[in-house]
Amino acid sequence: MFYTQHKLSLAQYVEDSMKYINPDYISSPEIGFLKTLDGKLKQAKTKFIFRFLGADAVEPTTKEKYGSLLGKLSMIKSFAAGILVPKEYIWPVTKDLYLQPATTLVADAHKQGLEVYASGFANDVMLSYNYSYDPTSEYLQFIDNSQFSVDGVLTDFPSTASEAIACLAQNKNASRTMKALVISHNGASGDYPGSTDLAYQKAIDDGADIIDCSVQMTKDGVSFCLETADLTGKTTAAATLMDRSAMIPDIQPNRGIFSFDVTWNEIQSLKPQITSPDVQSSLQRNPANKNKGKFVTLSEFLELAKTKAVTGVLINIENAAYLASEKGLSITDAVASALSNATFDKQSTQKVLIQSDDSSVLTKFKDVPTYQRVLNIKEQISDAPKQVAEEVKKYADAVNVIRKSIILGNSIYFSTSFTNVTEEMHAANVSVYVSFLRNEFTSLAFDYFADPYIELATFIAGQKVDGVITDNPATANAYMRSPCSNIDANIPYPILPIKAGDLLGLVDPQAQPPATAPSPPLEVADVVDPPLPAVATVSESNSTSSPPAPAPAGTKSSSQRTAVNTSLSIAAIVGIIGLLSLKL
């Protein structure tokens, strides 16, 4: 219509262009234009596709709304081979971003002999919460369901669509092609509040090999699963227990309501709370599940793992020294006792991974040969020299490192280079796990094109890590089962890892940020901790937290900051600057 108003013939232009090109498809939202072409290009093999716009928009030729034209598919068949419709015409989505039942449009169009193509796909937009921010799940909803399959999709990210079609469709029960472990992070915390019964069950259903429990202690000595000792972020404690708020620099730099100041009965009165990792973005995790699930004790967690026969469990232990010296609680004894009571120390069928940022905690479990000890290195490192890697091996069988310790990046979210950390640890016979992987596109470097499968390929196929710790076990499991994950096989469509720095090379050097100083290499002092203090006898009157002295500079692990603090004088406190590092 626009071209006609300006006395230009788009139909004539297309007809003239056919002398030089032979397109497979020509689409238009104007019936009159497609009918004109149909008369001019009857001998061509080009398919004409009628494109539907919004349901309330008006089609220029018929003056009817596109929504009403859905009932006239036989008329559309007279001049078009297919239709291109917004994806919501097929799978409607509510205003609060939940899928509704599918319409009958695909079946109705196929009955008329029309092909059906869906549009509006992109990786870096808000998706229905049903997809858990996995863009391939949306494609599979359109091509791999029990009701129908569209004939194609129009997308901003063709590689992800191809991935879904070639690698993931009709592949739910395939065997694993990769050996790396899928380790949950607080269960399937991308879908449910972390460390709850529902999060753990979802992780198991989604194919996690290892389910994890970060052990916390209550005031009355109950060990249970929660990511941090601070209850404020992961529970509704802030609404009812603010009178328990305390400032404990040994644990974290900000005030919190800590589990060791609260009884188990009080914790059971709280609700769990789903959290989103990127507070600066608007990407919420499934609001319908915001407070679902219940907290589980360590014993209940272990019983679930045995009942469901998962490959193994990861037990994360932090703050052991503080709990022993300040609260009279031995978290290491609590864990050892729970594992023994569940007979995990007397079997080798299921793996047991004991993780801590404290080498002395790991030493406590060295006498059970079937346990794999994992040193948690929370800080970013750029290198693991041979001497240091060999020192790690004395205390641990594996390390858990953050993503930035393997793939370096800059301030504008481009990768810059790979480190040698994985290779160096492997040379010392130390396995490498990487954390934390998430589906949200805001957590991905631009190099991955907002596709979590490319990140998985980069760490697993590219960097050869031994396991990934993820909020979304379903995504990692789908990648592991995909025939496209094995890049060494002779396959037509591999999911390839990135080459760090390649995409940044396309950016004008003047637009690039200044190079940042490299992170330090891992040192022996970062690995070796002093012995754990004895468990103190704490009276009831002294059991509530009070602000202890800041941690002295140079102390590495979260569990070793207390014993050296308790005898500091007020004068000494004034002269100390505590070095506190945020979790990455």
Protein backbone atom coordinates (compact mmCIF):
# COMPACT_ATOMS: atom_id res chain seq x y z
CA MET A 1 0.00 0.00 0.00
CA PHE A 2 2.83 2.40 0.87
CA TYR A 3 4.52 1.85 -2.49
CA THR A 4 1.26 2.27 -4.42
CA GLN A 5 0.68 5.63 -2.73
CA HIS A 6 4.09 6.72 -4.01
CA LYS A 7 3.37 5.42 -7.53
CA LEU A 8 5.85 2.58 -7.17
CA SER A 9 5.14 -1.03 -8.10
CA LEU A 10 6.69 -3.40 -5.62
CA ALA A 11 5.18 -6.33 -7.53
CA GLN A 12 6.97 -5.24 -10.69
CA TYR A 13 10.23 -4.87 -8.77
CA VAL A 14 9.90 -8.42 -7.41
CA GLU A 15 9.07 -9.74 -10.87
CA ASP A 16 12.14 -8.05 -12.36
CA SER A 17 14.33 -9.33 -9.53
CA MET A 18 13.31 -12.91 -10.23
CA LYS A 19 15.61 -12.79 -13.27
CA TYR A 20 18.56 -12.72 -10.86
CA ILE A 21 17.35 -14.40 -7.69
CA ASN A 22 15.07 -17.30 -6.96
CA PRO A 23 13.76 -16.93 -3.40
CA ASP A 24 12.17 -19.89 -1.69
CA TYR A 25 9.61 -17.73 0.08
CA ILE A 26 7.97 -14.34 -0.31
CA SER A 27 5.88 -13.16 2.61
CA SER A 28 3.60 -10.17 2.99
CA PRO A 29 0.85 -9.01 5.34
CA GLU A 30 -1.12 -7.66 2.31
CA ILE A 31 -3.49 -9.99 0.51
CA GLY A 32 -3.67 -7.77 -2.58
CA PHE A 33 0.09 -7.81 -3.04
CA LEU A 34 0.32 -11.60 -2.81
CA LYS A 35 -2.55 -12.04 -5.25
CA THR A 36 -0.81 -9.74 -7.72
CA LEU A 37 2.38 -11.78 -7.46
CA ASP A 38 0.44 -15.01 -7.77
CA GLY A 39 -0.74 -13.86 -11.16
CA LYS A 40 2.73 -12.80 -12.30
CA LEU A 41 4.86 -15.65 -10.94
CA LYS A 42 2.75 -18.77 -11.36
CA GLN A 43 5.62 -20.72 -12.92
CA ALA A 44 8.10 -19.93 -10.14
CA LYS A 45 8.81 -22.38 -7.34
CA THR A 46 8.65 -19.58 -4.80
CA LYS A 47 6.11 -20.10 -2.02
CA PHE A 48 3.87 -17.20 -1.05
CA ILE A 49 3.34 -16.82 2.69
CA PHE A 50 0.61 -14.62 4.13
CA ARG A 51 1.89 -12.91 7.24
CA PHE A 52 -0.54 -12.19 10.07
CA LEU A 53 0.09 -9.10 12.15
CA GLY A 54 -1.50 -8.39 15.54
CA ALA A 55 -5.02 -9.71 15.95
CA ASP A 56 -6.50 -6.18 16.11
CA ALA A 57 -4.46 -4.75 13.23
CA VAL A 58 -6.35 -4.21 9.95
CA GLU A 59 -5.35 -5.96 6.72
CA PRO A 60 -5.20 -3.25 3.98
CA THR A 61 -6.93 -5.13 1.14
CA THR A 62 -9.95 -6.61 2.91
CA LYS A 63 -10.15 -3.98 5.68
CA GLU A 64 -10.66 -6.85 8.10
CA LYS A 65 -8.76 -7.45 11.30
CA TYR A 66 -6.15 -10.15 11.08
CA GLY A 67 -7.82 -11.94 13.97
CA SER A 68 -10.99 -12.39 11.93
CA LEU A 69 -9.03 -13.69 8.93
CA LEU A 70 -8.05 -16.73 10.98
CA GLY A 71 -11.52 -18.04 10.18
CA LYS A 72 -10.94 -17.71 6.43
CA LEU A 73 -8.06 -20.08 5.89
CA SER A 74 -9.63 -21.61 2.78
CA MET A 75 -9.65 -18.16 1.16
CA ILE A 76 -6.00 -17.66 2.10
CA LYS A 77 -5.17 -21.03 0.54
CA SER A 78 -6.34 -19.67 -2.83
CA PHE A 79 -3.29 -17.38 -3.11
CA ALA A 80 -0.77 -18.59 -0.47
CA ALA A 81 1.07 -21.78 0.35
CA GLY A 82 1.33 -20.97 4.02
CA ILE A 83 0.83 -18.52 6.85
CA LEU A 84 3.29 -16.77 9.15
CA VAL A 85 1.73 -15.92 12.50
CA PRO A 86 2.92 -14.44 15.81
CA LYS A 87 3.74 -17.31 18.13
CA GLU A 88 0.97 -16.24 20.52
CA TYR A 89 -1.58 -17.20 17.85
CA ILE A 90 -0.53 -20.80 18.49
CA TRP A 91 0.47 -20.87 22.17
CA PRO A 92 -1.24 -17.94 23.92
CA VAL A 93 0.52 -16.44 26.93
CA THR A 94 -1.23 -14.69 29.81
CA LYS A 95 -0.33 -11.18 30.90
CA ASP A 96 1.63 -12.64 33.79
CA LEU A 97 3.65 -14.78 31.36
CA TYR A 98 2.20 -18.26 31.71
CA LEU A 99 1.28 -20.53 28.82
CA GLN A 100 -2.35 -21.20 28.03
CA PRO A 101 -3.63 -24.24 26.12
CA ALA A 102 -2.71 -24.29 22.44
CA THR A 103 -5.18 -23.09 19.83
CA THR A 104 -6.28 -25.29 16.94
CA LEU A 105 -4.70 -22.97 14.36
CA VAL A 106 -1.94 -25.35 13.26
CA ALA A 107 -4.31 -28.27 12.83
CA ASP A 108 -6.89 -26.08 11.07
CA ALA A 109 -4.32 -24.67 8.66
CA HIS A 110 -2.83 -28.07 7.90
CA LYS A 111 -6.30 -29.36 7.05
CA GLN A 112 -6.50 -26.63 4.43
CA GLY A 113 -3.11 -27.61 3.04
CA LEU A 114 -1.40 -24.51 4.42
CA GLU A 115 2.05 -24.57 5.93
CA VAL A 116 2.36 -22.81 9.29
CA TYR A 117 5.31 -20.71 10.40
CA ALA A 118 5.60 -19.00 13.79
CA SER A 119 7.36 -15.67 14.39
CA GLY A 120 8.54 -13.60 17.33
CA PHE A 121 11.32 -15.81 18.69
CA ALA A 122 14.35 -14.32 20.42
CA ASN A 123 16.71 -15.46 23.18
CA ASP A 124 17.11 -12.13 24.95
CA VAL A 125 13.49 -11.25 25.75
CA MET A 126 11.11 -12.20 28.52
CA LEU A 127 9.77 -15.69 27.86
CA SER A 128 6.92 -17.52 29.49
CA TYR A 129 7.96 -18.75 32.92
CA ASN A 130 7.06 -22.24 31.72
CA TYR A 131 10.33 -22.26 29.78
CA SER A 132 12.62 -21.46 32.75
CA TYR A 133 14.52 -19.00 30.51
CA ASP A 134 15.69 -21.84 28.25
CA PRO A 135 15.09 -20.54 24.70
CA THR A 136 15.24 -24.02 23.20
CA SER A 137 12.29 -25.07 25.36
CA GLU A 138 10.13 -22.53 23.55
CA TYR A 139 11.07 -23.88 20.13
CA LEU A 140 10.41 -27.43 21.29
CA GLN A 141 6.97 -26.35 22.47
CA PHE A 142 6.17 -25.60 18.82
CA ILE A 143 7.89 -28.51 17.09
CA ASP A 144 8.06 -31.37 19.59
CA ASN A 145 4.74 -31.78 21.35
CA SER A 146 2.12 -34.50 21.19
CA GLN A 147 -0.42 -32.32 19.36
CA PHE A 148 1.25 -30.74 16.34
CA SER A 149 4.39 -29.27 14.83
CA VAL A 150 4.76 -26.01 12.98
CA ASP A 151 6.59 -26.09 9.66
CA GLY A 152 9.16 -23.48 10.62
CA VAL A 153 10.03 -20.52 12.80
CA LEU A 154 11.16 -16.94 12.18
CA THR A 155 13.78 -16.00 14.76
CA ASP A 156 16.43 -13.47 15.72
CA PHE A 157 18.71 -16.36 16.73
CA PRO A 158 18.77 -19.01 13.96
CA SER A 159 21.55 -21.03 15.63
CA THR A 160 19.42 -21.65 18.72
CA ALA A 161 16.43 -22.70 16.61
CA SER A 162 18.66 -25.07 14.63
CA GLU A 163 20.01 -26.43 17.90
CA ALA A 164 16.50 -27.18 19.15
CA ILE A 165 15.48 -28.88 15.92
CA ALA A 166 18.67 -30.80 15.12
CA CYS A 167 19.92 -31.61 18.61
CA LEU A 168 17.11 -31.64 21.15
CA ALA A 169 13.83 -32.55 19.44
CA GLN A 170 12.60 -36.09 20.15
CA ASN A 171 15.66 -36.66 22.30
CA LYS A 172 14.28 -36.72 25.83
CA ASN A 173 15.20 -40.33 26.54
CA ALA A 174 18.54 -40.44 24.75
CA SER A 175 21.67 -41.65 26.51
CA ARG A 176 24.31 -39.22 27.70
CA THR A 177 27.04 -38.44 25.19
CA MET A 178 29.18 -36.47 27.67
CA LYS A 179 30.61 -37.65 31.00
CA ALA A 180 30.66 -34.43 33.00
CA LEU A 181 28.50 -34.38 36.12
CA VAL A 182 25.37 -32.28 36.40
CA ILE A 183 25.39 -30.93 39.95
CA SER A 184 22.44 -28.97 41.26
CA HIS A 185 22.82 -25.61 42.97
CA ASN A 186 20.33 -25.65 45.86
CA GLY A 187 18.34 -28.13 43.83
CA ALA A 188 16.57 -26.76 40.77
CA SER A 189 16.69 -23.26 42.24
CA GLY A 190 15.86 -21.73 38.86
CA ASP A 191 12.33 -23.10 39.24
CA TYR A 192 11.62 -23.33 42.98
CA PRO A 193 12.94 -21.73 46.15
CA GLY A 194 16.39 -23.18 46.67
CA SER A 195 17.11 -26.02 49.09
CA THR A 196 13.46 -27.04 49.43
CA ASP A 197 11.88 -30.43 48.92
CA LEU A 198 10.36 -29.23 45.62
CA ALA A 199 13.66 -27.87 44.33
CA TYR A 200 15.41 -31.15 45.08
CA GLN A 201 12.65 -33.25 43.55
CA LYS A 202 12.70 -31.08 40.41
CA ALA A 203 16.48 -31.43 40.17
CA ILE A 204 16.15 -35.21 40.35
CA ASP A 205 13.34 -35.24 37.78
CA ASP A 206 15.42 -32.98 35.52
CA GLY A 207 18.34 -35.40 35.49
CA ALA A 208 20.81 -33.98 38.01
CA ASP A 209 23.53 -36.50 38.84
CA ILE A 210 24.42 -34.86 42.14
CA ILE A 211 22.02 -32.97 44.39
CA ASP A 212 23.53 -30.53 46.85
CA CYS A 213 22.91 -29.41 50.40
CA SER A 214 24.65 -26.39 51.91
CA VAL A 215 24.41 -27.32 55.57
CA GLN A 216 23.36 -24.73 58.16
CA MET A 217 22.91 -25.16 61.89
CA THR A 218 20.08 -23.96 64.09
CA LYS A 219 20.36 -22.67 67.64
CA ASP A 220 19.13 -26.03 68.94
CA GLY A 221 21.63 -28.03 66.87
CA VAL A 222 19.51 -29.15 63.91
CA SER A 223 21.40 -29.39 60.61
CA PHE A 224 19.37 -28.42 57.55
CA CYS A 225 19.82 -27.30 53.94
CA LEU A 226 19.96 -23.62 52.93
CA GLU A 227 22.42 -21.74 50.75
CA THR A 228 23.54 -19.32 53.46
CA ALA A 229 23.38 -18.99 57.21
CA ASP A 230 21.57 -15.68 56.69
CA LEU A 231 17.84 -16.34 56.45
CA THR A 232 16.81 -12.93 55.09
CA GLY A 233 17.27 -13.56 51.37
CA LYS A 234 16.05 -17.14 51.06
CA THR A 235 13.15 -17.07 53.53
CA THR A 236 10.46 -14.76 54.87
CA ALA A 237 12.41 -14.24 58.11
CA ALA A 238 12.61 -10.47 57.60
CA ALA A 239 8.86 -10.21 58.21
CA THR A 240 8.86 -11.89 61.62
CA LEU A 241 12.38 -12.23 63.02
CA MET A 242 13.96 -8.81 62.59
CA ASP A 243 14.61 -8.69 66.33
CA ARG A 244 17.23 -11.41 65.74
CA SER A 245 19.12 -9.30 63.21
CA ALA A 246 22.84 -9.12 63.89
CA MET A 247 26.04 -7.85 62.31
CA ILE A 248 28.65 -10.62 62.07
CA PRO A 249 31.57 -9.66 59.82
CA ASP A 250 32.98 -13.17 60.18
CA ILE A 251 29.99 -14.43 58.20
CA GLN A 252 29.14 -11.56 55.85
CA PRO A 253 29.61 -7.78 55.54
CA ASN A 254 25.98 -6.84 56.12
CA ARG A 255 23.41 -7.49 58.84
CA GLY A 256 21.46 -10.70 58.75
CA ILE A 257 19.14 -13.03 60.60
CA PHE A 258 21.26 -16.12 61.13
CA SER A 259 20.08 -19.69 61.42
CA PHE A 260 22.28 -20.37 64.46
CA ASP A 261 20.29 -17.74 66.40
CA VAL A 262 16.95 -19.37 65.54
CA THR A 263 15.43 -22.71 66.53
CA TRP A 264 14.34 -25.33 64.02
CA ASN A 265 10.70 -24.85 65.01
CA GLU A 266 11.02 -21.15 64.24
CA ILE A 267 12.57 -21.87 60.86
CA GLN A 268 9.74 -24.27 60.04
CA SER A 269 7.30 -21.42 60.69
CA LEU A 270 8.91 -19.44 57.85
CA LYS A 271 8.27 -19.78 54.15
CA PRO A 272 11.03 -20.34 51.62
CA GLN A 273 11.52 -17.62 49.03
CA ILE A 274 12.63 -17.93 45.42
CA THR A 275 15.40 -15.52 44.51
CA SER A 276 16.63 -14.13 41.21
CA PRO A 277 20.42 -13.88 40.82
CA ASP A 278 20.42 -10.65 38.82
CA VAL A 279 18.75 -8.05 41.01
CA GLN A 280 19.54 -5.28 38.50
CA SER A 281 17.45 -6.83 35.73
CA SER A 282 13.70 -7.34 35.59
CA LEU A 283 14.04 -11.09 35.10
CA GLN A 284 12.11 -12.70 37.91
CA ARG A 285 12.06 -16.39 38.53
CA ASN A 286 8.71 -18.14 38.44
CA PRO A 287 6.47 -15.98 40.69
CA ALA A 288 3.88 -18.74 40.95
CA ASN A 289 6.46 -20.77 42.88
CA LYS A 290 7.74 -17.87 44.98
CA ASN A 291 7.05 -19.41 48.39
CA LYS A 292 6.43 -23.07 47.52
CA GLY A 293 8.12 -26.02 49.15
CA LYS A 294 9.39 -26.76 52.64
CA PHE A 295 12.80 -26.73 54.27
CA VAL A 296 14.49 -30.09 54.76
CA THR A 297 16.88 -31.34 57.41
CA LEU A 298 20.15 -32.88 56.34
CA SER A 299 18.81 -36.30 57.31
CA GLU A 300 15.71 -35.80 55.16
CA PHE A 301 17.89 -34.68 52.27
CA LEU A 302 20.04 -37.80 52.52
CA GLU A 303 16.99 -40.03 52.76
CA LEU A 304 15.59 -38.45 49.58
CA ALA A 305 18.88 -39.06 47.79
CA LYS A 306 18.86 -42.72 48.81
CA THR A 307 15.21 -43.25 47.98
CA LYS A 308 15.53 -41.68 44.54
CA ALA A 309 18.88 -43.41 43.91
CA VAL A 310 20.61 -40.33 42.55
CA THR A 311 24.22 -40.70 41.46
CA GLY A 312 25.36 -38.81 44.52
CA VAL A 313 25.19 -35.88 46.92
CA LEU A 314 27.31 -32.79 47.49
CA ILE A 315 27.49 -31.54 51.08
CA ASN A 316 28.75 -27.97 51.39
CA ILE A 317 30.18 -26.87 54.76
CA GLU A 318 31.02 -23.28 55.72
CA ASN A 319 31.60 -21.26 58.90
CA ALA A 320 32.78 -24.32 60.84
CA ALA A 321 35.28 -22.39 62.99
CA TYR A 322 32.78 -19.67 63.90
CA LEU A 323 30.10 -22.19 64.83
CA ALA A 324 32.54 -24.15 66.99
CA SER A 325 34.16 -21.27 68.84
CA GLU A 326 31.23 -18.86 69.11
CA LYS A 327 28.13 -21.06 69.09
CA GLY A 328 29.35 -24.34 70.51
CA LEU A 329 28.17 -26.19 67.41
CA SER A 330 30.22 -28.73 65.46
CA ILE A 331 28.91 -28.68 61.93
CA THR A 332 31.51 -31.24 60.84
CA ASP A 333 30.33 -33.71 63.49
CA ALA A 334 26.72 -33.09 62.50
CA VAL A 335 27.49 -33.86 58.86
CA ALA A 336 29.62 -36.91 59.65
CA SER A 337 26.92 -38.28 61.95
CA ALA A 338 24.13 -37.74 59.41
CA LEU A 339 26.13 -39.43 56.64
CA SER A 340 26.96 -42.35 58.91
CA ASN A 341 23.37 -42.75 60.09
CA ALA A 342 22.30 -42.89 56.44
CA THR A 343 25.14 -45.42 55.81
CA PHE A 344 26.74 -43.23 53.14
CA ASP A 345 30.12 -43.94 54.75
CA LYS A 346 29.67 -47.69 54.30
CA GLN A 347 28.85 -47.83 50.59
CA SER A 348 30.34 -46.79 47.26
CA THR A 349 27.26 -46.99 45.05
CA GLN A 350 26.38 -43.32 45.49
CA LYS A 351 29.02 -40.60 45.34
CA VAL A 352 29.53 -38.34 48.35
CA LEU A 353 31.18 -34.98 47.67
CA ILE A 354 32.24 -32.99 50.74
CA GLN A 355 32.80 -29.36 49.76
CA SER A 356 34.26 -26.53 51.81
CA ASP A 357 36.37 -23.41 51.39
CA ASP A 358 38.32 -24.59 54.46
CA SER A 359 41.03 -27.23 54.07
CA SER A 360 40.71 -28.16 57.75
CA VAL A 361 37.08 -29.09 57.22
CA LEU A 362 38.07 -31.32 54.31
CA THR A 363 40.75 -32.94 56.47
CA LYS A 364 38.03 -34.00 58.92
CA PHE A 365 36.64 -36.32 56.23
CA LYS A 366 39.88 -37.78 54.86
CA ASP A 367 39.42 -41.10 56.68
CA VAL A 368 36.44 -42.11 54.54
CA PRO A 369 38.11 -43.06 51.24
CA THR A 370 34.88 -43.12 49.26
CA TYR A 371 34.19 -39.45 49.96
CA GLN A 372 35.43 -37.01 47.34
CA ARG A 373 36.66 -33.79 48.93
CA VAL A 374 36.05 -30.56 47.00
CA LEU A 375 37.86 -27.31 47.75
CA ASN A 376 35.56 -24.37 47.07
CA ILE A 377 37.57 -21.48 45.59
CA LYS A 378 35.13 -18.58 45.66
CA GLU A 379 37.53 -15.85 44.59
CA GLN A 380 38.47 -15.31 40.97
CA ILE A 381 41.88 -16.73 40.11
CA SER A 382 43.87 -16.45 36.91
CA ASP A 383 46.28 -19.33 37.37
CA ALA A 384 46.97 -22.44 39.44
CA PRO A 385 50.75 -22.94 39.47
CA LYS A 386 52.03 -26.51 39.71
CA GLN A 387 53.18 -26.18 43.32
CA VAL A 388 49.80 -24.81 44.40
CA ALA A 389 47.79 -27.40 42.47
CA GLU A 390 49.85 -30.12 44.12
CA GLU A 391 49.12 -28.54 47.50
CA VAL A 392 45.41 -28.61 46.68
CA LYS A 393 45.71 -32.33 45.96
CA LYS A 394 46.86 -32.94 49.55
CA TYR A 395 43.46 -31.79 50.83
CA ALA A 396 41.02 -32.24 47.96
CA ASP A 397 40.17 -34.45 45.02
CA ALA A 398 38.42 -31.63 43.18
CA VAL A 399 37.96 -27.88 43.13
CA ASN A 400 34.88 -25.78 42.55
CA VAL A 401 35.82 -22.58 40.73
CA ILE A 402 33.68 -19.72 39.48
CA ARG A 403 33.19 -19.17 35.76
CA LYS A 404 35.52 -16.17 35.69
CA SER A 405 38.40 -18.35 36.86
CA ILE A 406 38.19 -20.29 33.59
CA ILE A 407 36.95 -17.71 31.08
CA LEU A 408 38.07 -14.14 31.55
CA GLY A 409 35.86 -11.25 30.48
CA ASN A 410 35.67 -7.49 30.50
CA SER A 411 33.29 -4.92 31.93
CA ILE A 412 31.04 -4.91 28.85
CA TYR A 413 30.33 -8.66 29.02
CA PHE A 414 32.61 -9.94 26.28
CA SER A 415 34.99 -12.82 26.88
CA THR A 416 38.66 -11.98 26.47
CA SER A 417 40.66 -15.18 27.01
CA PHE A 418 40.81 -18.57 28.67
CA THR A 419 42.92 -19.35 31.72
CA ASN A 420 44.87 -22.58 32.19
CA VAL A 421 43.26 -23.37 35.53
CA THR A 422 41.41 -26.50 34.36
CA GLU A 423 44.47 -27.89 32.60
CA GLU A 424 46.72 -27.13 35.58
CA MET A 425 44.38 -28.79 38.07
CA HIS A 426 44.00 -31.82 35.84
CA ALA A 427 47.80 -32.12 35.67
CA ALA A 428 47.74 -32.51 39.48
CA ASN A 429 44.94 -35.10 39.22
CA VAL A 430 42.39 -32.66 40.63
CA SER A 431 38.92 -32.60 39.06
CA VAL A 432 37.35 -29.25 38.21
CA TYR A 433 33.74 -28.21 38.72
CA VAL A 434 32.51 -24.80 37.58
CA SER A 435 29.80 -22.67 39.18
CA PHE A 436 27.25 -21.25 38.88
CA LEU A 437 25.54 -21.78 35.51
CA ARG A 438 22.13 -20.23 34.90
CA ASN A 439 19.68 -19.91 32.01
CA GLU A 440 18.94 -16.19 32.33
CA PHE A 441 20.45 -14.40 29.34
CA THR A 442 21.60 -11.57 31.62
CA SER A 443 24.07 -14.00 33.20
CA LEU A 444 25.70 -14.85 29.85
CA ALA A 445 28.53 -13.12 28.04
CA PHE A 446 27.61 -11.74 24.63
CA ASP A 447 29.79 -14.43 23.04
CA TYR A 448 27.12 -17.02 23.89
CA PHE A 449 24.38 -15.21 21.94
CA ALA A 450 22.06 -15.49 24.96
CA ASP A 451 22.14 -19.28 24.58
CA PRO A 452 22.96 -21.33 27.71
CA TYR A 453 23.81 -24.37 25.58
CA ILE A 454 26.77 -22.57 24.03
CA GLU A 455 28.07 -21.77 27.51
CA LEU A 456 27.70 -25.42 28.48
CA ALA A 457 29.56 -26.46 25.33
CA THR A 458 32.34 -24.02 26.12
CA PHE A 459 32.94 -25.35 29.63
CA ILE A 460 32.29 -29.04 28.98
CA ALA A 461 33.41 -29.73 25.41
CA GLY A 462 35.84 -26.83 25.18
CA GLN A 463 37.46 -26.52 28.61
CA LYS A 464 36.91 -30.15 29.66
CA VAL A 465 35.54 -29.44 33.13
CA ASP A 466 34.43 -32.49 35.09
CA GLY A 467 31.10 -31.08 36.17
CA VAL A 468 28.85 -28.04 36.13
CA ILE A 469 27.00 -26.67 39.15
CA THR A 470 23.77 -25.19 37.88
CA ASP A 471 20.48 -23.64 38.92
CA ASN A 472 18.89 -25.36 35.90
CA PRO A 473 19.79 -29.07 35.80
CA ALA A 474 17.26 -29.71 33.02
CA THR A 475 19.23 -27.55 30.60
CA ALA A 476 22.56 -29.17 31.44
CA ASN A 477 21.04 -32.64 31.20
CA ALA A 478 19.49 -31.85 27.81
CA TYR A 479 22.89 -30.71 26.56
CA MET A 480 24.56 -33.88 27.85
CA ARG A 481 22.01 -36.07 26.05
CA SER A 482 22.26 -34.17 22.79
CA PRO A 483 24.19 -35.90 19.99
CA CYS A 484 25.45 -32.43 19.08
CA SER A 485 27.42 -32.09 22.32
CA ASN A 486 30.24 -34.39 21.20
CA ILE A 487 32.29 -32.08 18.99
CA ASP A 488 34.82 -34.83 18.31
CA ALA A 489 32.22 -36.99 16.59
CA ASN A 490 31.45 -36.81 12.89
CA ILE A 491 28.09 -35.06 13.19
CA PRO A 492 26.38 -32.59 10.86
CA TYR A 493 25.51 -30.01 13.53
CA PRO A 494 27.78 -29.76 16.60
CA ILE A 495 27.13 -27.26 19.38
CA LEU A 496 30.48 -25.52 19.28
CA PRO A 497 32.27 -23.78 22.17
CA ILE A 498 33.22 -20.15 21.78
CA LYS A 499 36.71 -18.89 21.05
CA ALA A 500 37.34 -16.40 23.81
CA GLY A 501 38.00 -12.91 22.52
CA ASP A 502 36.79 -13.54 18.97
CA LEU A 503 33.59 -11.52 19.29
CA LEU A 504 35.38 -8.70 21.08
CA GLY A 505 37.70 -8.50 18.07
CA LEU A 506 34.76 -7.20 16.03
CA VAL A 507 34.29 -4.24 18.37
CA ASP A 508 35.99 -0.97 17.44
CA PRO A 509 39.09 -0.74 19.66
CA GLN A 510 38.11 2.81 20.64
CA ALA A 511 34.78 1.50 21.94
CA GLN A 512 36.40 -1.16 24.09
CA PRO A 513 36.92 -0.52 27.80
CA PRO A 514 40.41 -0.28 29.27
CA ALA A 515 42.02 -3.60 30.05
CA THR A 516 41.50 -4.63 33.66
CA ALA A 517 44.25 -5.83 35.96
CA PRO A 518 44.49 -9.62 35.98
CA SER A 519 43.15 -11.46 38.99
CA PRO A 520 45.84 -13.02 41.19
CA PRO A 521 46.95 -16.63 40.81
CA LEU A 522 45.99 -19.19 43.42
CA GLU A 523 48.56 -19.31 46.22
CA VAL A 524 49.34 -21.87 48.89
CA ALA A 525 48.07 -19.42 51.52
CA ASP A 526 44.70 -19.51 49.78
CA VAL A 527 44.57 -23.27 50.17
CA VAL A 528 45.91 -24.15 53.62
CA ASP A 529 43.94 -23.19 56.74
CA PRO A 530 44.80 -23.55 60.45
CA PRO A 531 43.16 -26.38 62.40
CA LEU A 532 39.58 -25.94 63.50
CA PRO A 533 39.13 -24.67 67.06
CA ALA A 534 37.65 -26.84 69.77
CA VAL A 535 33.90 -26.69 70.24
CA ALA A 536 33.26 -24.14 72.97
CA THR A 537 30.76 -24.46 75.78
CA VAL A 538 28.30 -21.64 75.25
CA SER A 539 25.77 -20.66 77.90
CA GLU A 540 22.20 -19.87 76.93
CA SER A 541 22.62 -16.23 77.92
CA ASN A 542 25.54 -15.86 75.51
CA SER A 543 24.04 -17.77 72.61
CA THR A 544 22.64 -14.75 70.78
CA SER A 545 25.01 -13.19 68.29
CA SER A 546 26.80 -9.98 69.07
CA PRO A 547 29.00 -8.09 66.64
CA PRO A 548 32.48 -9.65 66.79
CA ALA A 549 35.65 -7.97 65.62
CA PRO A 550 36.34 -7.61 61.91
CA ALA A 551 38.30 -10.43 60.28
CA PRO A 552 42.02 -9.77 59.99
CA ALA A 553 43.49 -9.30 56.53
CA GLY A 554 44.86 -12.40 54.89
CA THR A 555 42.49 -14.92 56.47
CA LYS A 556 41.17 -17.07 53.63
CA SER A 557 38.21 -19.25 54.45
CA SER A 558 34.85 -18.34 55.91
CA SER A 559 35.29 -20.85 58.71
CA GLN A 560 38.69 -19.70 59.95
CA ARG A 561 37.98 -16.09 60.81
CA THR A 562 36.75 -16.51 64.35
CA ALA A 563 39.35 -18.13 66.55
CA VAL A 564 41.84 -15.34 65.91
CA ASN A 565 39.21 -12.68 66.61
CA THR A 566 37.89 -13.56 70.01
CA SER A 567 40.86 -12.33 72.03
CA LEU A 568 41.41 -9.04 70.24
CA SER A 569 41.36 -5.96 72.44
CA ILE A 570 39.43 -2.80 71.64
CA ALA A 571 42.67 -1.00 70.83
CA ALA A 572 43.65 -3.67 68.35
CA ILE A 573 40.24 -3.55 66.69
CA VAL A 574 40.64 0.15 65.96
CA GLY A 575 43.83 -0.52 64.01
CA ILE A 576 42.55 -3.34 61.82
CA ILE A 577 40.93 -3.04 58.42
CA GLY A 578 38.94 -6.16 57.57
CA LEU A 579 39.13 -7.29 54.00
CA LEU A 580 35.70 -8.58 53.06
CA SER A 581 35.03 -10.03 49.63
CA LEU A 582 31.61 -10.36 48.09
CA LYS A 583 30.46 -13.69 46.74
CA LEU A 584 30.84 -13.97 42.96
